[in-house]
N, C-alpha and C. Protein backbone atom coordinates (compact mmCIF):
# COMPACT_ATOMS: atom_id res chain seq x y z
N MET A 1 -38.25 -11.81 20.85
CA MET A 1 -37.08 -13.45 20.08
C MET A 1 -35.58 -13.11 20.54
N VAL A 2 -34.93 -13.76 21.16
CA VAL A 2 -33.35 -13.88 21.36
C VAL A 2 -32.49 -14.17 20.36
N ASP A 3 -31.68 -13.06 19.66
CA ASP A 3 -31.05 -13.75 18.37
C ASP A 3 -29.50 -14.79 19.32
N LEU A 4 -29.87 -15.87 18.77
CA LEU A 4 -29.05 -17.06 19.78
C LEU A 4 -27.64 -17.01 18.99
N GLU A 5 -27.75 -16.85 17.51
CA GLU A 5 -26.13 -17.11 16.65
C GLU A 5 -25.61 -16.11 17.27
N ASN A 6 -25.94 -14.81 17.22
CA ASN A 6 -25.39 -13.61 17.83
C ASN A 6 -24.89 -13.75 19.70
N THR A 7 -25.66 -14.37 20.33
CA THR A 7 -25.25 -14.43 21.78
C THR A 7 -24.66 -14.91 21.72
N VAL A 8 -24.43 -16.32 21.22
CA VAL A 8 -22.99 -16.90 21.27
C VAL A 8 -21.97 -16.67 20.76
N SER A 9 -21.82 -16.04 19.73
CA SER A 9 -20.53 -15.59 18.91
C SER A 9 -20.14 -14.85 19.66
N ASN A 10 -20.96 -13.47 20.52
CA ASN A 10 -20.45 -12.86 21.41
C ASN A 10 -19.78 -13.37 22.33
N LYS A 11 -20.43 -14.05 22.99
CA LYS A 11 -19.99 -15.03 24.19
C LYS A 11 -18.53 -15.61 23.99
N LEU A 12 -18.45 -16.14 22.81
CA LEU A 12 -17.54 -16.96 22.45
C LEU A 12 -16.23 -16.09 21.97
N SER A 13 -16.33 -14.63 21.55
CA SER A 13 -15.61 -14.17 21.32
C SER A 13 -14.79 -13.65 22.42
N ASP A 14 -15.34 -13.51 23.30
CA ASP A 14 -14.83 -13.17 24.70
C ASP A 14 -13.49 -13.71 25.19
N TYR A 15 -13.16 -14.81 24.54
CA TYR A 15 -12.40 -16.13 24.55
C TYR A 15 -11.34 -15.65 23.43
N ILE A 16 -11.14 -14.65 23.12
CA ILE A 16 -10.30 -14.57 21.82
C ILE A 16 -9.63 -13.26 22.49
N HIS A 17 -8.01 -13.04 22.74
CA HIS A 17 -7.49 -12.33 23.29
C HIS A 17 -6.36 -11.76 21.94
N THR A 18 -5.92 -10.78 22.32
CA THR A 18 -5.20 -9.76 21.53
C THR A 18 -4.08 -9.32 22.25
N PHE A 19 -2.71 -9.45 22.32
CA PHE A 19 -1.66 -8.99 22.89
C PHE A 19 -0.79 -8.14 22.14
N SER A 20 -0.53 -6.61 22.15
CA SER A 20 -0.04 -5.96 21.26
C SER A 20 1.22 -5.79 21.66
N ASP A 21 2.01 -5.19 20.66
CA ASP A 21 3.42 -4.92 20.89
C ASP A 21 3.69 -6.00 21.55
N VAL A 22 4.18 -7.06 21.18
CA VAL A 22 4.88 -8.28 21.78
C VAL A 22 6.45 -8.19 21.83
N LEU A 23 6.88 -7.15 20.69
CA LEU A 23 8.32 -7.14 20.49
C LEU A 23 8.53 -5.62 20.79
N ASP A 24 9.83 -5.40 21.50
CA ASP A 24 10.00 -3.84 21.28
C ASP A 24 10.62 -3.80 19.55
N ALA A 25 10.65 -2.43 19.26
CA ALA A 25 11.13 -2.10 17.76
C ALA A 25 11.95 -2.31 17.32
N ASP A 26 12.96 -2.41 17.42
CA ASP A 26 14.62 -3.07 17.19
C ASP A 26 14.02 -4.36 16.90
N ASP A 27 14.17 -5.31 18.10
CA ASP A 27 13.55 -6.74 17.46
C ASP A 27 12.56 -7.12 16.91
N TYR A 28 11.53 -6.41 16.73
CA TYR A 28 10.32 -6.33 16.00
C TYR A 28 10.75 -6.31 14.31
N PHE A 29 11.40 -4.85 14.01
CA PHE A 29 12.17 -4.82 12.54
C PHE A 29 13.18 -5.57 12.10
N ARG A 30 14.11 -6.36 13.14
CA ARG A 30 14.66 -7.39 13.15
C ARG A 30 14.31 -8.48 12.00
N LEU A 31 13.05 -8.81 13.30
CA LEU A 31 12.42 -10.40 13.02
C LEU A 31 11.64 -10.00 11.53
N LEU A 32 11.03 -8.56 11.23
CA LEU A 32 10.30 -8.38 9.90
C LEU A 32 11.56 -8.94 9.05
N HIS A 33 12.81 -8.56 8.90
CA HIS A 33 13.90 -8.70 7.97
C HIS A 33 14.08 -9.90 7.87
N LEU A 34 14.52 -10.86 8.88
CA LEU A 34 14.72 -12.37 8.78
C LEU A 34 13.59 -13.13 8.15
N VAL A 35 12.00 -12.47 8.52
CA VAL A 35 10.80 -13.73 7.58
C VAL A 35 10.73 -13.11 6.22
N LYS A 36 11.16 -11.88 5.92
CA LYS A 36 11.37 -11.82 4.80
C LYS A 36 12.06 -12.31 3.84
N ASN A 37 13.39 -12.89 4.05
CA ASN A 37 14.41 -13.27 3.64
C ASN A 37 14.69 -14.62 4.23
N TYR A 38 13.92 -15.42 4.66
CA TYR A 38 13.85 -16.89 5.20
C TYR A 38 13.82 -17.35 3.70
N ASP A 39 14.14 -19.03 3.90
CA ASP A 39 13.80 -19.67 2.83
C ASP A 39 13.03 -20.87 3.28
N PHE A 40 12.12 -20.70 3.08
CA PHE A 40 10.81 -20.97 3.48
C PHE A 40 10.29 -22.49 2.77
N GLY A 41 10.97 -22.97 2.09
CA GLY A 41 11.00 -23.94 0.79
C GLY A 41 10.25 -24.73 -0.05
N GLU A 42 9.38 -25.28 -0.04
CA GLU A 42 8.34 -25.24 -1.17
C GLU A 42 7.12 -24.90 -0.78
N ILE A 43 5.95 -24.60 -1.37
CA ILE A 43 4.49 -24.11 -0.79
C ILE A 43 4.18 -25.61 -0.35
N SER A 44 3.46 -25.49 0.49
CA SER A 44 2.46 -26.71 0.99
C SER A 44 0.95 -26.41 1.18
N SER A 45 0.07 -27.10 0.96
CA SER A 45 -1.13 -27.24 1.27
C SER A 45 -1.82 -28.47 2.23
N PRO A 46 -3.17 -28.46 2.48
CA PRO A 46 -3.34 -29.17 3.70
C PRO A 46 -3.61 -30.39 3.13
N ASN A 47 -3.92 -31.14 2.15
CA ASN A 47 -4.15 -32.05 1.67
C ASN A 47 -4.45 -33.25 2.38
N GLY A 48 -5.35 -34.43 3.05
CA GLY A 48 -5.43 -35.05 3.50
C GLY A 48 -5.79 -34.99 5.44
N SER A 49 -6.21 -33.41 5.06
CA SER A 49 -6.51 -33.22 6.98
C SER A 49 -7.70 -33.44 7.23
N VAL A 50 -8.12 -34.22 8.37
CA VAL A 50 -9.57 -34.62 8.71
C VAL A 50 -10.31 -33.23 8.16
N TYR A 51 -10.36 -32.23 8.32
CA TYR A 51 -11.17 -30.88 7.74
C TYR A 51 -11.43 -30.89 6.44
N GLN A 52 -10.68 -31.54 5.59
CA GLN A 52 -10.44 -31.44 4.19
C GLN A 52 -10.56 -30.07 3.97
N LEU A 53 -9.43 -29.72 4.18
CA LEU A 53 -9.02 -28.25 4.34
C LEU A 53 -8.65 -27.94 2.57
N THR A 54 -8.80 -26.54 1.99
CA THR A 54 -8.11 -26.26 0.96
C THR A 54 -7.45 -25.10 1.17
N GLY A 55 -6.62 -24.87 0.24
CA GLY A 55 -5.61 -23.66 0.22
C GLY A 55 -4.32 -24.08 -0.16
N GLU A 56 -3.45 -22.97 0.27
CA GLU A 56 -1.77 -23.46 0.14
C GLU A 56 -1.38 -21.58 0.94
N ARG A 57 -0.27 -22.39 1.82
CA ARG A 57 0.26 -21.37 2.12
C ARG A 57 1.85 -22.43 2.27
N TYR A 58 2.79 -21.29 2.64
CA TYR A 58 4.14 -21.60 3.34
C TYR A 58 4.30 -21.82 4.30
N ASN A 59 4.77 -22.97 4.92
CA ASN A 59 5.15 -22.96 6.60
C ASN A 59 6.32 -23.86 7.13
N LYS A 60 6.62 -23.55 7.71
CA LYS A 60 7.84 -24.39 8.32
C LYS A 60 7.96 -24.51 9.86
N LYS A 61 8.34 -25.56 10.31
CA LYS A 61 8.46 -26.05 12.12
C LYS A 61 10.01 -25.32 12.16
N LEU A 62 10.05 -24.53 12.97
CA LEU A 62 11.04 -24.00 13.43
C LEU A 62 11.90 -24.72 14.42
N SER A 63 13.45 -24.45 14.95
CA SER A 63 13.99 -24.98 15.63
C SER A 63 15.17 -24.04 16.35
N PRO A 64 15.75 -24.30 17.72
CA PRO A 64 16.66 -23.29 17.63
C PRO A 64 17.68 -23.13 16.89
N ASN A 65 18.10 -24.40 15.88
CA ASN A 65 19.06 -24.68 14.94
C ASN A 65 18.69 -22.96 13.73
N ASP A 66 17.44 -22.45 13.89
CA ASP A 66 17.09 -21.73 13.48
C ASP A 66 17.40 -20.57 13.66
N GLY A 67 18.24 -20.05 14.89
CA GLY A 67 19.33 -19.38 15.25
C GLY A 67 18.47 -18.16 15.88
N GLU A 68 18.68 -16.72 15.58
CA GLU A 68 18.28 -16.02 15.31
C GLU A 68 16.39 -15.22 15.62
N ILE A 69 16.25 -16.11 14.41
CA ILE A 69 14.75 -15.70 13.64
C ILE A 69 13.95 -17.20 15.18
N PHE A 70 14.45 -17.87 15.58
CA PHE A 70 13.80 -18.84 16.40
C PHE A 70 13.90 -17.92 17.82
N ASP A 71 14.92 -17.31 17.92
CA ASP A 71 15.07 -16.72 19.22
C ASP A 71 13.69 -15.40 19.77
N LEU A 72 13.69 -14.82 18.53
CA LEU A 72 12.92 -13.70 18.46
C LEU A 72 11.59 -14.27 18.93
N ILE A 73 11.17 -15.30 18.30
CA ILE A 73 9.63 -15.69 17.82
C ILE A 73 9.21 -16.22 19.28
N HIS A 74 10.44 -17.08 20.28
CA HIS A 74 10.28 -17.17 21.49
C HIS A 74 10.63 -16.09 22.64
N LYS A 75 10.99 -15.64 22.43
CA LYS A 75 11.05 -14.29 23.20
C LYS A 75 9.55 -13.49 22.66
N ALA A 76 9.14 -13.27 21.94
CA ALA A 76 7.76 -13.04 21.98
C ALA A 76 6.54 -13.66 22.56
N PHE A 77 6.65 -15.10 22.51
CA PHE A 77 5.74 -15.70 23.15
C PHE A 77 6.10 -15.73 24.73
N ILE A 78 7.41 -15.95 25.21
CA ILE A 78 7.74 -16.15 26.98
C ILE A 78 7.23 -14.63 27.30
N LYS A 79 7.51 -13.47 26.49
CA LYS A 79 6.63 -12.17 27.05
C LYS A 79 5.43 -12.27 26.84
N THR A 80 4.90 -13.32 25.95
CA THR A 80 2.98 -13.02 26.18
C THR A 80 2.52 -14.08 27.13
N LEU A 81 3.19 -15.52 26.95
CA LEU A 81 2.63 -16.44 28.40
C LEU A 81 2.21 -15.95 29.13
N PRO A 82 2.23 -15.52 30.23
CA PRO A 82 1.72 -15.04 31.95
C PRO A 82 0.28 -14.70 31.04
N LYS A 83 -0.10 -13.31 30.51
CA LYS A 83 -0.77 -12.83 30.06
C LYS A 83 -1.97 -13.82 29.57
N ILE A 84 -1.30 -14.92 28.67
CA ILE A 84 -2.28 -15.76 28.39
C ILE A 84 -2.37 -16.69 29.59
N TYR A 85 -1.74 -16.87 30.50
CA TYR A 85 -2.28 -17.36 31.72
C TYR A 85 -2.99 -16.69 32.23
N ASP A 86 -3.08 -15.55 32.37
CA ASP A 86 -3.97 -14.21 33.42
C ASP A 86 -5.19 -14.31 32.37
N SER A 87 -5.80 -14.72 31.14
CA SER A 87 -6.48 -14.69 30.25
C SER A 87 -7.53 -15.23 30.27
N TYR A 88 -7.01 -16.82 30.81
CA TYR A 88 -7.61 -17.64 31.01
C TYR A 88 -8.08 -18.47 32.13
N TYR A 89 -7.06 -18.04 33.20
CA TYR A 89 -7.56 -18.04 34.71
C TYR A 89 -8.80 -17.81 35.08
N PRO A 90 -9.33 -19.24 35.24
CA PRO A 90 -9.10 -19.99 36.47
C PRO A 90 -9.42 -21.51 35.35
N PHE A 91 -9.00 -20.96 34.55
CA PHE A 91 -9.06 -22.25 33.46
C PHE A 91 -8.16 -23.47 33.15
N ILE A 92 -6.93 -22.80 33.55
CA ILE A 92 -5.68 -22.91 33.37
C ILE A 92 -5.18 -24.25 34.50
N PRO A 93 -5.28 -25.31 34.95
CA PRO A 93 -4.47 -25.84 35.92
C PRO A 93 -3.34 -25.17 36.61
N THR A 94 -2.98 -24.66 37.66
CA THR A 94 -1.76 -23.96 37.97
C THR A 94 -0.27 -24.69 37.75
N ASP A 95 -0.78 -26.25 38.10
CA ASP A 95 0.60 -26.90 38.23
C ASP A 95 1.02 -27.24 36.82
N LEU A 96 0.58 -27.41 35.77
CA LEU A 96 0.47 -27.46 34.39
C LEU A 96 1.30 -26.52 33.60
N ARG A 97 0.08 -25.13 33.83
CA ARG A 97 0.81 -24.30 33.05
C ARG A 97 1.00 -23.84 32.01
N TYR A 98 0.51 -24.63 30.78
CA TYR A 98 0.70 -25.11 29.18
C TYR A 98 2.08 -25.54 29.52
N ASN A 99 2.50 -26.83 29.87
CA ASN A 99 3.92 -26.87 29.70
C ASN A 99 4.31 -28.05 28.61
N LYS A 100 3.19 -27.75 27.43
CA LYS A 100 3.76 -28.70 25.97
C LYS A 100 3.29 -27.78 25.22
N TYR A 101 4.11 -27.85 24.52
CA TYR A 101 3.60 -26.73 22.68
C TYR A 101 3.83 -27.75 21.18
N SER A 102 3.50 -26.74 20.15
CA SER A 102 3.75 -27.73 19.24
C SER A 102 5.07 -27.11 18.45
N GLY A 103 5.51 -26.61 19.11
CA GLY A 103 6.56 -25.52 18.55
C GLY A 103 5.92 -24.51 17.20
N TYR A 104 6.90 -23.75 17.19
CA TYR A 104 6.35 -22.71 16.05
C TYR A 104 6.55 -23.07 14.51
N TRP A 105 5.61 -22.82 13.59
CA TRP A 105 5.32 -22.77 13.07
C TRP A 105 5.73 -21.42 12.24
N LEU A 106 6.13 -21.14 11.05
CA LEU A 106 6.01 -20.10 10.98
C LEU A 106 5.47 -20.19 9.29
N CYS A 107 4.81 -19.32 8.67
CA CYS A 107 3.86 -19.60 7.85
C CYS A 107 3.96 -17.91 7.09
N LYS A 108 3.73 -18.17 5.74
CA LYS A 108 3.76 -17.11 4.83
C LYS A 108 2.87 -17.15 3.89
N TYR A 109 1.68 -16.19 3.26
CA TYR A 109 0.81 -16.52 2.77
C TYR A 109 1.28 -15.58 1.80
N THR A 110 1.58 -15.76 0.07
CA THR A 110 1.86 -14.91 -1.01
C THR A 110 0.47 -14.55 -1.38
N GLU A 111 0.13 -13.79 -2.39
CA GLU A 111 -0.93 -13.16 -3.42
C GLU A 111 -1.65 -14.49 -3.92
N GLY A 112 -2.87 -14.74 -3.30
CA GLY A 112 -3.47 -16.10 -3.62
C GLY A 112 -3.65 -16.88 -2.81
N SER A 113 -2.91 -16.88 -1.74
CA SER A 113 -2.86 -17.84 -0.97
C SER A 113 -3.77 -17.69 0.73
N TYR A 114 -4.51 -18.87 1.30
CA TYR A 114 -5.54 -18.56 1.90
C TYR A 114 -5.61 -20.12 3.01
N LEU A 115 -6.41 -20.31 3.60
CA LEU A 115 -6.78 -21.47 4.25
C LEU A 115 -8.22 -21.80 4.78
N SER A 116 -9.00 -22.67 4.14
CA SER A 116 -10.19 -22.84 4.27
C SER A 116 -10.62 -22.87 6.02
N TYR A 117 -12.06 -22.48 6.23
CA TYR A 117 -12.32 -22.75 7.60
C TYR A 117 -12.31 -24.45 8.15
N HIS A 118 -12.02 -24.29 9.42
CA HIS A 118 -11.21 -24.93 10.09
C HIS A 118 -11.71 -24.99 11.51
N THR A 119 -10.94 -26.00 12.01
CA THR A 119 -10.95 -25.65 13.67
C THR A 119 -9.62 -25.73 14.01
N ASP A 120 -8.79 -26.16 15.19
CA ASP A 120 -7.62 -26.65 15.80
C ASP A 120 -7.73 -27.39 16.39
N SER A 121 -9.13 -28.17 16.68
CA SER A 121 -9.38 -29.30 17.91
C SER A 121 -8.29 -30.70 17.52
N ASP A 122 -7.86 -30.70 16.57
CA ASP A 122 -6.66 -31.94 16.49
C ASP A 122 -5.24 -31.31 16.22
N ALA A 123 -4.75 -30.62 16.18
CA ALA A 123 -3.70 -29.84 16.47
C ALA A 123 -2.72 -30.45 17.22
N ASP A 124 -1.37 -30.45 17.10
CA ASP A 124 -0.54 -31.54 17.48
C ASP A 124 -0.44 -31.09 18.95
N SER A 125 -0.46 -30.34 19.51
CA SER A 125 -1.11 -29.77 21.17
C SER A 125 -2.13 -28.99 21.25
N ALA A 126 -3.20 -29.13 21.03
CA ALA A 126 -4.05 -28.10 20.93
C ALA A 126 -5.20 -27.83 22.34
N SER A 127 -4.92 -27.28 22.94
CA SER A 127 -5.75 -26.79 24.12
C SER A 127 -6.05 -25.42 24.03
N VAL A 128 -4.87 -24.49 23.25
CA VAL A 128 -4.94 -22.91 23.19
C VAL A 128 -4.35 -22.61 22.22
N THR A 129 -4.61 -22.04 21.23
CA THR A 129 -3.95 -21.72 19.53
C THR A 129 -3.45 -20.18 20.01
N ALA A 130 -1.94 -19.93 19.51
CA ALA A 130 -1.42 -18.49 19.56
C ALA A 130 -1.21 -18.33 18.27
N SER A 131 -1.45 -17.11 17.40
CA SER A 131 -1.08 -16.92 16.51
C SER A 131 -0.24 -15.44 16.13
N PHE A 132 1.01 -15.46 16.06
CA PHE A 132 1.56 -14.01 16.07
C PHE A 132 1.60 -13.54 14.83
N ALA A 133 0.83 -12.12 14.65
CA ALA A 133 0.50 -11.57 13.61
C ALA A 133 1.77 -10.74 13.33
N ILE A 134 2.91 -11.26 12.23
CA ILE A 134 4.06 -10.23 12.31
C ILE A 134 4.05 -9.20 11.54
N ASN A 135 3.27 -9.30 10.24
CA ASN A 135 2.77 -7.81 9.37
C ASN A 135 1.56 -7.65 9.41
N SER A 136 1.22 -6.34 8.89
CA SER A 136 0.18 -6.06 8.59
C SER A 136 0.10 -4.95 7.28
N ASP A 137 1.03 -4.73 6.40
CA ASP A 137 1.18 -4.40 5.48
C ASP A 137 0.32 -5.35 4.43
N TYR A 138 -0.20 -5.55 3.91
CA TYR A 138 -1.01 -6.85 3.23
C TYR A 138 -2.63 -6.48 2.86
N GLU A 139 -2.94 -6.75 1.70
CA GLU A 139 -4.80 -6.75 1.89
C GLU A 139 -5.24 -8.03 1.54
N GLY A 140 -6.22 -8.44 2.02
CA GLY A 140 -7.06 -9.51 2.38
C GLY A 140 -6.34 -10.18 3.60
N GLY A 141 -6.56 -11.71 3.25
CA GLY A 141 -5.79 -12.36 4.46
C GLY A 141 -6.15 -12.09 5.76
N ASP A 142 -7.66 -11.67 6.17
CA ASP A 142 -8.51 -11.19 6.98
C ASP A 142 -8.21 -12.68 8.17
N MET A 143 -8.62 -12.86 9.17
CA MET A 143 -8.91 -14.02 9.59
C MET A 143 -10.27 -14.10 10.33
N ILE A 144 -10.49 -14.95 10.20
CA ILE A 144 -12.56 -14.55 10.85
C ILE A 144 -12.87 -15.73 11.01
N PHE A 145 -13.42 -15.47 12.37
CA PHE A 145 -14.14 -16.70 13.25
C PHE A 145 -15.59 -16.68 12.97
N TRP A 146 -16.03 -17.56 12.50
CA TRP A 146 -17.81 -17.68 12.34
C TRP A 146 -18.40 -17.00 11.00
N ASP A 147 -17.40 -16.77 10.79
CA ASP A 147 -17.77 -16.25 9.57
C ASP A 147 -18.13 -14.46 9.47
N ASP A 148 -18.15 -13.83 10.99
CA ASP A 148 -18.74 -12.93 10.70
C ASP A 148 -17.71 -12.02 11.72
N TYR A 149 -16.79 -12.90 12.49
CA TYR A 149 -15.91 -11.94 13.15
C TYR A 149 -14.30 -11.74 13.18
N VAL A 150 -14.29 -10.92 12.41
CA VAL A 150 -13.01 -10.34 11.66
C VAL A 150 -12.08 -9.82 12.80
N LEU A 151 -10.78 -10.35 12.82
CA LEU A 151 -9.47 -10.00 13.70
C LEU A 151 -9.07 -9.06 12.95
N GLU A 152 -8.75 -7.85 13.96
CA GLU A 152 -8.29 -6.42 13.15
C GLU A 152 -6.80 -6.81 12.81
N LYS A 153 -6.38 -6.08 11.58
CA LYS A 153 -5.15 -6.49 11.38
C LYS A 153 -4.25 -5.68 12.05
N GLU A 154 -2.98 -6.14 13.04
CA GLU A 154 -2.26 -5.22 13.67
C GLU A 154 -0.79 -5.60 13.00
N ARG A 155 -0.01 -5.54 13.18
CA ARG A 155 1.26 -6.11 13.27
C ARG A 155 1.58 -6.19 14.20
N ASN A 156 2.67 -7.28 14.86
CA ASN A 156 3.39 -7.49 16.20
C ASN A 156 2.81 -7.66 17.10
N CYS A 157 1.89 -8.55 17.06
CA CYS A 157 0.76 -9.18 18.12
C CYS A 157 0.24 -10.22 18.11
N ILE A 158 -0.14 -11.11 18.98
CA ILE A 158 -0.51 -12.53 19.51
C ILE A 158 -1.99 -12.26 19.57
N HIS A 159 -2.53 -13.47 18.91
CA HIS A 159 -3.64 -13.21 19.08
C HIS A 159 -4.21 -14.75 19.29
N VAL A 160 -4.81 -15.20 20.52
CA VAL A 160 -4.70 -16.47 21.15
C VAL A 160 -6.56 -16.58 21.55
N TYR A 161 -6.81 -17.87 21.24
CA TYR A 161 -8.51 -18.50 21.21
C TYR A 161 -8.64 -19.99 21.36
N PRO A 162 -9.30 -20.31 22.38
CA PRO A 162 -9.09 -21.65 22.36
C PRO A 162 -9.27 -22.71 20.85
N SER A 163 -8.04 -23.99 21.47
CA SER A 163 -8.25 -24.76 20.12
C SER A 163 -9.46 -25.46 20.23
N SER A 164 -10.64 -25.39 19.81
CA SER A 164 -11.65 -26.00 20.34
C SER A 164 -12.83 -26.31 18.79
N LEU A 165 -13.89 -26.97 18.76
CA LEU A 165 -14.55 -27.20 18.28
C LEU A 165 -15.63 -26.16 17.71
N THR A 166 -15.28 -25.02 18.89
CA THR A 166 -16.60 -23.84 18.60
C THR A 166 -15.50 -22.71 18.38
N TYR A 167 -14.35 -23.17 18.14
CA TYR A 167 -13.77 -21.59 17.33
C TYR A 167 -13.46 -21.96 15.88
N PRO A 168 -14.83 -22.25 14.92
CA PRO A 168 -14.43 -22.30 13.50
C PRO A 168 -13.49 -21.05 12.90
N HIS A 169 -12.33 -21.12 12.24
CA HIS A 169 -11.87 -20.20 11.78
C HIS A 169 -11.44 -20.33 10.34
N ARG A 170 -10.92 -19.39 9.75
CA ARG A 170 -10.15 -19.24 7.80
C ARG A 170 -9.46 -18.54 8.06
N VAL A 171 -8.64 -18.21 7.03
CA VAL A 171 -7.86 -16.89 6.33
C VAL A 171 -8.00 -16.91 5.05
N ASP A 172 -8.59 -15.70 4.83
CA ASP A 172 -9.13 -15.53 3.52
C ASP A 172 -7.69 -15.13 2.80
N LYS A 173 -8.01 -15.46 1.24
CA LYS A 173 -6.88 -15.30 0.38
C LYS A 173 -6.27 -13.86 0.15
N VAL A 174 -5.11 -13.65 0.15
CA VAL A 174 -4.35 -12.57 0.39
C VAL A 174 -4.44 -12.19 -0.77
N THR A 175 -5.16 -10.67 -0.60
CA THR A 175 -5.14 -10.00 -2.61
C THR A 175 -4.00 -9.08 -2.97
N LYS A 176 -3.08 -8.96 -1.82
CA LYS A 176 -2.12 -8.10 -2.65
C LYS A 176 -0.78 -8.22 -1.51
N GLY A 177 0.72 -8.29 -1.74
CA GLY A 177 1.39 -8.27 -0.43
C GLY A 177 1.48 -9.23 0.10
N ILE A 178 2.27 -9.87 0.89
CA ILE A 178 2.57 -11.24 1.91
C ILE A 178 2.16 -10.76 3.32
N ARG A 179 1.51 -11.92 3.50
CA ARG A 179 1.18 -12.15 5.16
C ARG A 179 2.13 -13.29 5.50
N TYR A 180 2.79 -12.56 6.95
CA TYR A 180 3.70 -13.25 7.87
C TYR A 180 2.98 -13.76 8.98
N SER A 181 3.12 -14.93 9.44
CA SER A 181 2.79 -15.55 10.97
C SER A 181 3.31 -16.64 11.77
N VAL A 182 3.45 -16.79 12.58
CA VAL A 182 3.52 -17.66 13.17
C VAL A 182 2.57 -18.46 14.24
N VAL A 183 2.30 -19.61 13.90
CA VAL A 183 1.42 -20.45 15.10
C VAL A 183 1.71 -21.39 15.68
N VAL A 184 1.22 -22.15 16.57
CA VAL A 184 1.73 -22.40 17.63
C VAL A 184 0.58 -22.65 18.71
N TRP A 185 0.64 -24.02 19.08
CA TRP A 185 -0.47 -24.63 20.10
C TRP A 185 -0.22 -25.22 21.41
N PHE A 186 -0.46 -25.01 21.98
CA PHE A 186 0.00 -25.11 23.95
C PHE A 186 -1.23 -25.88 24.42
N ALA A 187 -0.56 -26.67 25.16
CA ALA A 187 -1.33 -27.85 26.08
C ALA A 187 -0.65 -28.57 26.98
N TYR A 188 -1.15 -29.98 27.80
CA TYR A 188 -0.70 -30.08 29.14
C TYR A 188 -0.18 -31.28 29.06
N GLN A 189 -0.76 -32.24 28.01
CA GLN A 189 0.07 -33.62 27.82
C GLN A 189 0.67 -33.92 26.43
N LYS A 190 0.30 -33.06 25.51
CA LYS A 190 1.05 -33.32 23.80
C LYS A 190 1.86 -32.62 23.27
N GLY A 191 2.73 -32.78 22.82
CA GLY A 191 3.65 -32.08 21.97
C GLY A 191 4.86 -31.85 22.71
N ASP A 192 5.80 -31.06 22.25
CA ASP A 192 7.04 -30.92 22.86
C ASP A 192 7.26 -30.87 24.27
N ASP A 193 8.75 -30.49 25.26
CA ASP A 193 8.57 -29.68 26.42
C ASP A 193 8.86 -28.28 26.40
N TRP A 194 7.52 -27.76 26.62
CA TRP A 194 7.75 -26.53 26.33
C TRP A 194 8.83 -25.81 27.47
N ARG A 195 9.04 -26.09 28.57
CA ARG A 195 10.22 -25.35 29.32
C ARG A 195 11.50 -25.99 29.05
N LYS A 196 12.02 -27.00 28.17
CA LYS A 196 13.15 -27.11 27.42
C LYS A 196 13.76 -25.60 26.56
N GLN A 197 12.82 -25.07 26.11
CA GLN A 197 13.00 -23.98 25.71
C GLN A 197 13.40 -22.57 26.11
N TRP A 198 13.56 -22.49 27.49
CA TRP A 198 13.56 -21.52 28.26
C TRP A 198 15.42 -21.39 28.75
């Protein structure tokens, strides 16, 4: 008898990609210093979400006015975007190539912070989700798909996956340290014009 759950999970996991060392060492350590000293404002919780999300984290949408921190994050995604295109070829229309994006959402998970099970299908610009794992020196805080597929903790890497109902995931509670990440959603018609940031 075929184990359908594992067959489906394994096939779906083929569309989760990880790109390592997205910034060189100097840029990476500069970014890490900047995020550790960034003023995130108030902690936010996802109340009112269509998924009835629970949890809390600090998150702030960055803009070019954020200066160097925005520039370094943008540099990481500019470097990675061609690899994202290659990974999802031929599913991405070549005349569009993800010309829209949600903006960069800088996230901070302190001890006890987490985000419950959800998908990104209602995201601001939801075709592909990219999550920049800035650091890995924390405990807990794993990103988990389908309750059994755990992304490896790796600093300075970008995880990419489809923003669809078939990719439910969560961020487990951080038990020690602080988890920093950036989330962005790419699409064809919704969101801000990606090309204006080049």
